[in-house]
Amino acid sequence: MKKIIVLAASLFFAVVASAGEDPEETNSKQFPLSIGVHMGMDIGAAVPWPPGKVMGGENKMKATPHLTPALGLSFTGNIDRRWSLTLETTYKVVELDAKAWVEDQTFVDRNDDPWQWVSFRGTAFTEMSFPMLEFPLYASYTFKNGSDRVFLGGYYARVFNAKFSTMPYKGMLFNVVDGKPDYDHPKGSVSPDVPHTHNFNDAMSKWDAGFVAGYERNIFPRITLSGRFSMGFNDIFQSGKKYLTYSMLHMRGTVVVSYAIIK
């Protein structure tokens, strides 16, 4: 946390110091390669896919994202006046709490002896956290005004010590027979008086990859503000340890402030 505070303070003072720079003087010192630091905030986490798995009405997903800082470096190669290519490395922790209707959430009931696979259908609370080192690579196009640009690319992320726990709150339990829930013979019910908590940390995937797209604007000669959207293609669960009948993919929006050390 101390490192985050120090980096955030450094970025703040860099913004203040560069606010009064002369644009013409800055443009005269441009290099083919730009190096910068950035700080951002992510809103989002893993969501069910396809989206129809989250039911509507009273059963729709209610999510509470945690705002956590993301810090990193960027390296931009200026191809010409309009086009550039950027590689970033960013450390972030994406966290979310959610209440949602789930269909056929499968887990091992450790209250049974021997342990048995059961399936839950109903309302559940979920807590998730994904510390990761992310490597976006994207191409940017700068408009004629020289200040606005759009970008599109992809990313790879290495996920460390991901946490995913769920607490079935209200619904029905079913025995799993031949890999499928036995809806004709319910095992029992779950109520707020007798909640179940299940931890799936050992089943989390160690990586993610997907696309990123966004828009950014120079608000000062060395300072840019950007908004971006990213979506992963890899299920958060390892392929051999899948506990749901649907996929859950990383999806988030990010606001980023960047400072160009070399420009």
C-alpha atoms as a PDB file:
ATOM      1  CA  MET A   1       0.000   0.000   0.000  1.00  0.00           C
ATOM      2  CA  LYS A   2       2.895   2.410   0.749  1.00  0.00           C
ATOM      3  CA  LYS A   3       4.261   1.858  -2.750  1.00  0.00           C
ATOM      4  CA  ILE A   4       0.857   2.654  -4.251  1.00  0.00           C
ATOM      5  CA  ILE A   5       0.613   5.884  -2.251  1.00  0.00           C
ATOM      6  CA  VAL A   6       4.129   6.968  -3.279  1.00  0.00           C
ATOM      7  CA  LEU A   7       3.480   6.256  -6.975  1.00  0.00           C
ATOM      8  CA  ALA A   8       0.113   8.000  -6.850  1.00  0.00           C
ATOM      9  CA  ALA A   9       1.692  11.061  -5.222  1.00  0.00           C
ATOM     10  CA  SER A  10       4.469  11.112  -7.833  1.00  0.00           C
ATOM     11  CA  LEU A  11       1.921  11.030 -10.624  1.00  0.00           C
ATOM     12  CA  PHE A  12      -0.073  13.848  -8.993  1.00  0.00           C
ATOM     13  CA  PHE A  13       2.957  16.135  -8.699  1.00  0.00           C
ATOM     14  CA  ALA A  14       3.931  15.309 -12.272  1.00  0.00           C
ATOM     15  CA  VAL A  15       0.487  16.468 -13.408  1.00  0.00           C
ATOM     16  CA  VAL A  16       0.821  19.730 -11.493  1.00  0.00           C
ATOM     17  CA  ALA A  17       4.347  20.370 -12.753  1.00  0.00           C
ATOM     18  CA  SER A  18       3.465  19.785 -16.399  1.00  0.00           C
ATOM     19  CA  ALA A  19       0.208  21.732 -16.442  1.00  0.00           C
ATOM     20  CA  GLY A  20       2.008  24.952 -17.299  1.00  0.00           C
ATOM     21  CA  GLU A  21       4.269  23.599 -20.032  1.00  0.00           C
ATOM     22  CA  ASP A  22       4.313  25.264 -23.406  1.00  0.00           C
ATOM     23  CA  PRO A  23       2.752  22.938 -26.064  1.00  0.00           C
ATOM     24  CA  GLU A  24       5.065  24.230 -28.807  1.00  0.00           C
ATOM     25  CA  GLU A  25       8.146  23.600 -26.673  1.00  0.00           C
ATOM     26  CA  THR A  26       6.926  20.106 -25.823  1.00  0.00           C
ATOM     27  CA  ASN A  27       6.179  19.197 -29.463  1.00  0.00           C
ATOM     28  CA  SER A  28       9.671  20.254 -30.494  1.00  0.00           C
ATOM     29  CA  LYS A  29      11.151  17.570 -28.230  1.00  0.00           C
ATOM     30  CA  GLN A  30       9.232  14.561 -29.520  1.00  0.00           C
ATOM     31  CA  PHE A  31      10.947  11.177 -29.755  1.00  0.00           C
ATOM     32  CA  PRO A  32      10.030   8.119 -31.872  1.00  0.00           C
ATOM     33  CA  LEU A  33       9.503   6.262 -28.573  1.00  0.00           C
ATOM     34  CA  SER A  34       7.392   7.565 -25.702  1.00  0.00           C
ATOM     35  CA  ILE A  35       7.621   6.179 -22.175  1.00  0.00           C
ATOM     36  CA  GLY A  36       5.019   6.913 -19.559  1.00  0.00           C
ATOM     37  CA  VAL A  37       3.515   5.947 -16.229  1.00  0.00           C
ATOM     38  CA  HIS A  38      -0.188   5.565 -15.607  1.00  0.00           C
ATOM     39  CA  MET A  39      -2.704   5.100 -12.845  1.00  0.00           C
ATOM     40  CA  GLY A  40      -6.272   3.882 -13.300  1.00  0.00           C
ATOM     41  CA  MET A  41      -9.409   2.502 -11.720  1.00  0.00           C
ATOM     42  CA  ASP A  42     -11.263  -0.617 -12.888  1.00  0.00           C
ATOM     43  CA  ILE A  43     -14.989  -1.251 -12.554  1.00  0.00           C
ATOM     44  CA  GLY A  44     -16.058  -4.809 -13.280  1.00  0.00           C
ATOM     45  CA  ALA A  45     -14.983  -8.418 -12.812  1.00  0.00           C
ATOM     46  CA  ALA A  46     -16.073 -11.835 -14.055  1.00  0.00           C
ATOM     47  CA  VAL A  47     -19.632 -12.016 -15.410  1.00  0.00           C
ATOM     48  CA  PRO A  48     -21.752 -14.971 -16.600  1.00  0.00           C
ATOM     49  CA  TRP A  49     -21.594 -15.727 -20.325  1.00  0.00           C
ATOM     50  CA  PRO A  50     -23.801 -15.786 -22.293  1.00  0.00           C
ATOM     51  CA  PRO A  51     -25.532 -12.859 -20.550  1.00  0.00           C
ATOM     52  CA  GLY A  52     -28.900 -14.642 -20.607  1.00  0.00           C
ATOM     53  CA  LYS A  53     -27.684 -16.829 -17.739  1.00  0.00           C
ATOM     54  CA  VAL A  54     -28.322 -13.864 -15.446  1.00  0.00           C
ATOM     55  CA  MET A  55     -32.101 -13.718 -15.253  1.00  0.00           C
ATOM     56  CA  GLY A  56     -34.112 -10.512 -15.266  1.00  0.00           C
ATOM     57  CA  GLY A  57     -36.687  -8.996 -12.961  1.00  0.00           C
ATOM     58  CA  GLU A  58     -36.217  -9.824  -9.294  1.00  0.00           C
ATOM     59  CA  ASN A  59     -33.525 -12.355 -10.196  1.00  0.00           C
ATOM     60  CA  LYS A  60     -31.188 -10.039 -12.096  1.00  0.00           C
ATOM     61  CA  MET A  61     -27.593  -9.707 -10.996  1.00  0.00           C
ATOM     62  CA  LYS A  62     -26.826  -6.911  -8.522  1.00  0.00           C
ATOM     63  CA  ALA A  63     -23.124  -6.141  -8.437  1.00  0.00           C
ATOM     64  CA  THR A  64     -20.981  -3.910  -6.215  1.00  0.00           C
ATOM     65  CA  PRO A  65     -17.522  -3.370  -7.730  1.00  0.00           C
ATOM     66  CA  HIS A  66     -14.585  -2.336  -5.560  1.00  0.00           C
ATOM     67  CA  LEU A  67     -12.571   0.639  -6.772  1.00  0.00           C
ATOM     68  CA  THR A  68      -8.908  -0.357  -6.591  1.00  0.00           C
ATOM     69  CA  PRO A  69      -5.939   1.466  -8.183  1.00  0.00           C
ATOM     70  CA  ALA A  70      -4.047   0.051 -11.159  1.00  0.00           C
ATOM     71  CA  LEU A  71      -0.445   1.188 -11.717  1.00  0.00           C
ATOM     72  CA  GLY A  72       1.880   0.593 -14.636  1.00  0.00           C
ATOM     73  CA  LEU A  73       4.235   1.649 -17.423  1.00  0.00           C
ATOM     74  CA  SER A  74       3.615   2.253 -21.122  1.00  0.00           C
ATOM     75  CA  PHE A  75       5.933   2.189 -24.155  1.00  0.00           C
ATOM     76  CA  THR A  76       4.629   3.842 -27.324  1.00  0.00           C
ATOM     77  CA  GLY A  77       6.237   3.655 -30.747  1.00  0.00           C
ATOM     78  CA  ASN A  78       5.171   6.547 -33.006  1.00  0.00           C
ATOM     79  CA  ILE A  79       4.796   5.111 -36.504  1.00  0.00           C
ATOM     80  CA  ASP A  80       3.815   8.452 -38.063  1.00  0.00           C
ATOM     81  CA  ARG A  81       1.795  11.558 -37.140  1.00  0.00           C
ATOM     82  CA  ARG A  82      -1.458   9.562 -36.913  1.00  0.00           C
ATOM     83  CA  TRP A  83      -0.563   5.991 -35.977  1.00  0.00           C
ATOM     84  CA  SER A  84       1.230   4.569 -32.948  1.00  0.00           C
ATOM     85  CA  LEU A  85       1.675   1.222 -31.218  1.00  0.00           C
ATOM     86  CA  THR A  86       1.611   0.916 -27.417  1.00  0.00           C
ATOM     87  CA  LEU A  87       2.680  -1.857 -25.047  1.00  0.00           C
ATOM     88  CA  GLU A  88       1.683  -1.541 -21.405  1.00  0.00           C
ATOM     89  CA  THR A  89       2.367  -3.478 -18.243  1.00  0.00           C
ATOM     90  CA  THR A  90      -0.077  -2.891 -15.405  1.00  0.00           C
ATOM     91  CA  TYR A  91      -0.592  -4.397 -11.974  1.00  0.00           C
ATOM     92  CA  LYS A  92      -4.192  -4.336 -10.771  1.00  0.00           C
ATOM     93  CA  VAL A  93      -6.623  -6.051  -8.429  1.00  0.00           C
ATOM     94  CA  VAL A  94     -10.149  -6.387  -9.821  1.00  0.00           C
ATOM     95  CA  GLU A  95     -12.757  -7.079  -7.115  1.00  0.00           C
ATOM     96  CA  LEU A  96     -16.526  -7.453  -7.084  1.00  0.00           C
ATOM     97  CA  ASP A  97     -19.318  -8.514  -4.728  1.00  0.00           C
ATOM     98  CA  ALA A  98     -22.561  -9.679  -6.321  1.00  0.00           C
ATOM     99  CA  LYS A  99     -25.980 -11.069  -5.563  1.00  0.00           C
ATOM    100  CA  ALA A 100     -27.380 -13.085  -8.447  1.00  0.00           C
ATOM    101  CA  TRP A 101     -29.669 -15.878  -9.511  1.00  0.00           C
ATOM    102  CA  VAL A 102     -27.638 -18.916 -10.484  1.00  0.00           C
ATOM    103  CA  GLU A 103     -28.628 -21.997 -12.436  1.00  0.00           C
ATOM    104  CA  ASP A 104     -27.049 -25.339 -11.627  1.00  0.00           C
ATOM    105  CA  GLN A 105     -24.077 -24.205  -9.573  1.00  0.00           C
ATOM    106  CA  THR A 106     -22.244 -27.465  -8.922  1.00  0.00           C
ATOM    107  CA  PHE A 107     -20.026 -28.044  -5.920  1.00  0.00           C
ATOM    108  CA  VAL A 108     -18.896 -30.764  -3.496  1.00  0.00           C
ATOM    109  CA  ASP A 109     -21.056 -30.966  -0.375  1.00  0.00           C
ATOM    110  CA  ARG A 110     -18.480 -31.667   2.326  1.00  0.00           C
ATOM    111  CA  ASN A 111     -21.200 -32.130   4.918  1.00  0.00           C
ATOM    112  CA  ASP A 112     -21.906 -35.556   3.426  1.00  0.00           C
ATOM    113  CA  ASP A 113     -19.808 -38.617   4.176  1.00  0.00           C
ATOM    114  CA  PRO A 114     -18.515 -39.509   1.671  1.00  0.00           C
ATOM    115  CA  TRP A 115     -18.472 -36.145  -0.092  1.00  0.00           C
ATOM    116  CA  GLN A 116     -21.029 -35.820  -2.891  1.00  0.00           C
ATOM    117  CA  TRP A 117     -21.507 -33.542  -5.865  1.00  0.00           C
ATOM    118  CA  VAL A 118     -24.637 -31.435  -5.559  1.00  0.00           C
ATOM    119  CA  SER A 119     -26.208 -28.688  -7.641  1.00  0.00           C
ATOM    120  CA  PHE A 120     -27.771 -25.462  -6.395  1.00  0.00           C
ATOM    121  CA  ARG A 121     -30.407 -23.343  -8.112  1.00  0.00           C
ATOM    122  CA  GLY A 122     -31.466 -20.079  -6.538  1.00  0.00           C
ATOM    123  CA  THR A 123     -30.057 -16.818  -5.169  1.00  0.00           C
ATOM    124  CA  ALA A 124     -26.421 -16.613  -4.082  1.00  0.00           C
ATOM    125  CA  PHE A 125     -23.943 -14.050  -2.835  1.00  0.00           C
ATOM    126  CA  THR A 126     -20.555 -14.064  -4.555  1.00  0.00           C
ATOM    127  CA  GLU A 127     -17.225 -12.457  -3.658  1.00  0.00           C
ATOM    128  CA  MET A 128     -14.385 -12.394  -6.184  1.00  0.00           C
ATOM    129  CA  SER A 129     -10.902 -10.909  -6.359  1.00  0.00           C
ATOM    130  CA  PHE A 130      -8.387 -11.140  -9.216  1.00  0.00           C
ATOM    131  CA  PRO A 131      -4.879  -9.738  -8.643  1.00  0.00           C
ATOM    132  CA  MET A 132      -3.176  -9.689 -12.041  1.00  0.00           C
ATOM    133  CA  LEU A 133      -0.297  -8.405 -14.115  1.00  0.00           C
ATOM    134  CA  GLU A 134      -1.779  -7.247 -17.421  1.00  0.00           C
ATOM    135  CA  PHE A 135       0.011  -6.679 -20.744  1.00  0.00           C
ATOM    136  CA  PRO A 136      -2.157  -4.718 -23.232  1.00  0.00           C
ATOM    137  CA  LEU A 137      -0.879  -4.168 -26.784  1.00  0.00           C
ATOM    138  CA  TYR A 138      -2.900  -1.805 -28.995  1.00  0.00           C
ATOM    139  CA  ALA A 139      -2.747   0.450 -32.037  1.00  0.00           C
ATOM    140  CA  SER A 140      -3.877   4.085 -31.764  1.00  0.00           C
ATOM    141  CA  TYR A 141      -5.143   6.518 -34.390  1.00  0.00           C
ATOM    142  CA  THR A 142      -4.771  10.255 -33.645  1.00  0.00           C
ATOM    143  CA  PHE A 143      -7.288  12.713 -35.114  1.00  0.00           C
ATOM    144  CA  LYS A 144      -6.311  15.928 -36.897  1.00  0.00           C
ATOM    145  CA  ASN A 145      -6.475  18.032 -33.741  1.00  0.00           C
ATOM    146  CA  GLY A 146      -3.549  16.012 -32.366  1.00  0.00           C
ATOM    147  CA  SER A 147      -5.241  15.606 -28.985  1.00  0.00           C
ATOM    148  CA  ASP A 148      -7.907  12.934 -29.484  1.00  0.00           C
ATOM    149  CA  ARG A 149      -7.294   9.318 -30.440  1.00  0.00           C
ATOM    150  CA  VAL A 150      -8.981   5.942 -30.471  1.00  0.00           C
ATOM    151  CA  PHE A 151      -7.272   2.603 -29.954  1.00  0.00           C
ATOM    152  CA  LEU A 152      -7.927  -1.105 -30.373  1.00  0.00           C
ATOM    153  CA  GLY A 153      -5.907  -4.165 -29.466  1.00  0.00           C
ATOM    154  CA  GLY A 154      -5.607  -7.136 -27.169  1.00  0.00           C
ATOM    155  CA  TYR A 155      -4.166  -8.099 -23.803  1.00  0.00           C
ATOM    156  CA  TYR A 156      -2.719 -11.008 -21.901  1.00  0.00           C
ATOM    157  CA  ALA A 157      -2.929 -11.181 -18.108  1.00  0.00           C
ATOM    158  CA  ARG A 158      -1.265 -13.395 -15.545  1.00  0.00           C
ATOM    159  CA  VAL A 159      -3.603 -13.934 -12.575  1.00  0.00           C
ATOM    160  CA  PHE A 160      -2.185 -14.427  -9.075  1.00  0.00           C
ATOM    161  CA  ASN A 161      -4.003 -15.876  -6.038  1.00  0.00           C
ATOM    162  CA  ALA A 162      -7.503 -15.305  -7.403  1.00  0.00           C
ATOM    163  CA  LYS A 163     -10.326 -15.698  -4.900  1.00  0.00           C
ATOM    164  CA  PHE A 164     -13.874 -16.787  -5.660  1.00  0.00           C
ATOM    165  CA  SER A 165     -16.360 -17.739  -2.965  1.00  0.00           C
ATOM    166  CA  THR A 166     -20.099 -18.102  -3.113  1.00  0.00           C
ATOM    167  CA  MET A 167     -22.799 -18.409  -0.487  1.00  0.00           C
ATOM    168  CA  PRO A 168     -26.068 -19.961  -1.696  1.00  0.00           C
ATOM    169  CA  TYR A 169     -28.672 -17.886   0.107  1.00  0.00           C
ATOM    170  CA  LYS A 170     -32.088 -19.123  -0.909  1.00  0.00           C
ATOM    171  CA  GLY A 171     -32.970 -21.984  -3.252  1.00  0.00           C
ATOM    172  CA  MET A 172     -32.908 -25.750  -3.796  1.00  0.00           C
ATOM    173  CA  LEU A 173     -30.189 -28.406  -3.715  1.00  0.00           C
ATOM    174  CA  PHE A 174     -30.181 -31.400  -6.068  1.00  0.00           C
ATOM    175  CA  ASN A 175     -28.014 -34.509  -6.185  1.00  0.00           C
ATOM    176  CA  VAL A 176     -25.828 -34.809  -9.270  1.00  0.00           C
ATOM    177  CA  VAL A 177     -26.363 -38.104 -11.100  1.00  0.00           C
ATOM    178  CA  ASP A 178     -24.189 -38.980 -14.109  1.00  0.00           C
ATOM    179  CA  GLY A 179     -22.994 -35.384 -14.266  1.00  0.00           C
ATOM    180  CA  LYS A 180     -26.492 -33.848 -14.298  1.00  0.00           C
ATOM    181  CA  PRO A 181     -28.779 -32.480 -11.540  1.00  0.00           C
ATOM    182  CA  ASP A 182     -31.588 -34.844 -10.542  1.00  0.00           C
ATOM    183  CA  TYR A 183     -34.491 -32.395 -10.500  1.00  0.00           C
ATOM    184  CA  ASP A 184     -37.021 -35.142  -9.718  1.00  0.00           C
ATOM    185  CA  HIS A 185     -35.487 -35.820  -6.316  1.00  0.00           C
ATOM    186  CA  PRO A 186     -34.421 -32.611  -4.522  1.00  0.00           C
ATOM    187  CA  LYS A 187     -31.761 -33.064  -1.857  1.00  0.00           C
ATOM    188  CA  GLY A 188     -33.059 -30.185   0.228  1.00  0.00           C
ATOM    189  CA  SER A 189     -33.423 -26.436   0.428  1.00  0.00           C
ATOM    190  CA  VAL A 190     -31.170 -23.529   1.352  1.00  0.00           C
ATOM    191  CA  SER A 191     -32.534 -20.653   3.424  1.00  0.00           C
ATOM    192  CA  PRO A 192     -31.061 -17.527   5.028  1.00  0.00           C
ATOM    193  CA  ASP A 193     -31.184 -19.386   8.355  1.00  0.00           C
ATOM    194  CA  VAL A 194     -28.902 -22.175   7.118  1.00  0.00           C
ATOM    195  CA  PRO A 195     -26.481 -20.647   4.552  1.00  0.00           C
ATOM    196  CA  HIS A 196     -23.715 -22.583   2.797  1.00  0.00           C
ATOM    197  CA  THR A 197     -20.350 -21.019   1.922  1.00  0.00           C
ATOM    198  CA  HIS A 198     -18.124 -22.560  -0.733  1.00  0.00           C
ATOM    199  CA  ASN A 199     -14.622 -21.558  -1.777  1.00  0.00           C
ATOM    200  CA  PHE A 200     -13.424 -22.215  -5.346  1.00  0.00           C
ATOM    201  CA  ASN A 201      -9.985 -20.586  -5.095  1.00  0.00           C
ATOM    202  CA  ASP A 202      -8.150 -23.765  -6.116  1.00  0.00           C
ATOM    203  CA  ALA A 203     -10.173 -23.913  -9.342  1.00  0.00           C
ATOM    204  CA  MET A 204      -9.290 -20.445 -10.644  1.00  0.00           C
ATOM    205  CA  SER A 205      -7.495 -20.081 -13.970  1.00  0.00           C
ATOM    206  CA  LYS A 206      -4.007 -18.560 -13.848  1.00  0.00           C
ATOM    207  CA  TRP A 207      -4.342 -16.465 -17.016  1.00  0.00           C
ATOM    208  CA  ASP A 208      -6.679 -14.434 -19.189  1.00  0.00           C
ATOM    209  CA  ALA A 209      -6.563 -12.914 -22.670  1.00  0.00           C
ATOM    210  CA  GLY A 210      -8.965 -10.757 -24.648  1.00  0.00           C
ATOM    211  CA  PHE A 211      -9.481  -7.476 -26.482  1.00  0.00           C
ATOM    212  CA  VAL A 212      -9.289  -3.865 -25.369  1.00  0.00           C
ATOM    213  CA  ALA A 213     -10.738  -0.751 -27.019  1.00  0.00           C
ATOM    214  CA  GLY A 214     -10.890   2.851 -25.915  1.00  0.00           C
ATOM    215  CA  TYR A 215     -10.597   6.588 -26.400  1.00  0.00           C
ATOM    216  CA  GLU A 216      -8.066   9.034 -24.970  1.00  0.00           C
ATOM    217  CA  ARG A 217      -7.443  12.762 -24.989  1.00  0.00           C
ATOM    218  CA  ASN A 218      -4.448  14.954 -24.186  1.00  0.00           C
ATOM    219  CA  ILE A 219      -5.607  17.287 -21.419  1.00  0.00           C
ATOM    220  CA  PHE A 220      -2.103  18.762 -20.972  1.00  0.00           C
ATOM    221  CA  PRO A 221       1.039  18.393 -23.128  1.00  0.00           C
ATOM    222  CA  ARG A 222       2.230  15.350 -21.170  1.00  0.00           C
ATOM    223  CA  ILE A 223      -1.033  14.233 -19.554  1.00  0.00           C
ATOM    224  CA  THR A 224      -3.701  12.045 -21.161  1.00  0.00           C
ATOM    225  CA  LEU A 225      -7.031  10.846 -19.847  1.00  0.00           C
ATOM    226  CA  SER A 226      -8.516   7.686 -21.325  1.00  0.00           C
ATOM    227  CA  GLY A 227     -11.485   5.390 -20.959  1.00  0.00           C
ATOM    228  CA  ARG A 228     -11.356   1.794 -22.116  1.00  0.00           C
ATOM    229  CA  PHE A 229     -13.367  -1.410 -22.185  1.00  0.00           C
ATOM    230  CA  SER A 230     -11.853  -4.876 -22.079  1.00  0.00           C
ATOM    231  CA  MET A 231     -13.303  -8.370 -22.272  1.00  0.00           C
ATOM    232  CA  GLY A 232     -11.555 -11.695 -21.799  1.00  0.00           C
ATOM    233  CA  PHE A 233     -12.139 -14.917 -23.694  1.00  0.00           C
ATOM    234  CA  ASN A 234     -10.885 -17.397 -21.082  1.00  0.00           C
ATOM    235  CA  ASP A 235     -13.196 -18.842 -18.429  1.00  0.00           C
ATOM    236  CA  ILE A 236     -12.133 -17.881 -14.905  1.00  0.00           C
ATOM    237  CA  PHE A 237     -12.323 -21.582 -13.952  1.00  0.00           C
ATOM    238  CA  GLN A 238      -9.699 -24.089 -15.031  1.00  0.00           C
ATOM    239  CA  SER A 239     -10.992 -26.392 -17.746  1.00  0.00           C
ATOM    240  CA  GLY A 240     -10.710 -29.477 -15.534  1.00  0.00           C
ATOM    241  CA  LYS A 241     -12.342 -27.817 -12.516  1.00  0.00           C
ATOM    242  CA  LYS A 242     -15.463 -26.238 -13.939  1.00  0.00           C
ATOM    243  CA  TYR A 243     -18.234 -25.838 -11.363  1.00  0.00           C
ATOM    244  CA  LEU A 244     -20.871 -24.012 -13.415  1.00  0.00           C
ATOM    245  CA  THR A 245     -22.896 -24.966 -16.471  1.00  0.00           C
ATOM    246  CA  TYR A 246     -21.944 -21.666 -18.119  1.00  0.00           C
ATOM    247  CA  SER A 247     -18.756 -19.652 -18.545  1.00  0.00           C
ATOM    248  CA  MET A 248     -17.662 -16.635 -16.539  1.00  0.00           C
ATOM    249  CA  LEU A 249     -15.517 -14.115 -18.394  1.00  0.00           C
ATOM    250  CA  HIS A 250     -13.549 -11.066 -17.289  1.00  0.00           C
ATOM    251  CA  MET A 251     -15.278  -7.844 -18.366  1.00  0.00           C
ATOM    252  CA  ARG A 252     -14.515  -4.345 -17.104  1.00  0.00           C
ATOM    253  CA  GLY A 253     -14.304  -0.640 -17.800  1.00  0.00           C
ATOM    254  CA  THR A 254     -11.235   1.391 -16.867  1.00  0.00           C
ATOM    255  CA  VAL A 255     -10.411   5.085 -16.455  1.00  0.00           C
ATOM    256  CA  VAL A 256      -6.692   5.852 -16.798  1.00  0.00           C
ATOM    257  CA  VAL A 257      -4.556   8.986 -16.267  1.00  0.00           C
ATOM    258  CA  SER A 258      -1.145   8.809 -17.974  1.00  0.00           C
ATOM    259  CA  TYR A 259       1.981  10.960 -17.704  1.00  0.00           C
ATOM    260  CA  ALA A 260       4.617  10.877 -20.453  1.00  0.00           C
ATOM    261  CA  ILE A 261       8.122  10.780 -18.949  1.00  0.00           C
ATOM    262  CA  ILE A 262       9.680  10.820 -22.428  1.00  0.00           C
ATOM    263  CA  LYS A 263       7.688  12.254 -25.303  1.00  0.00           C
END
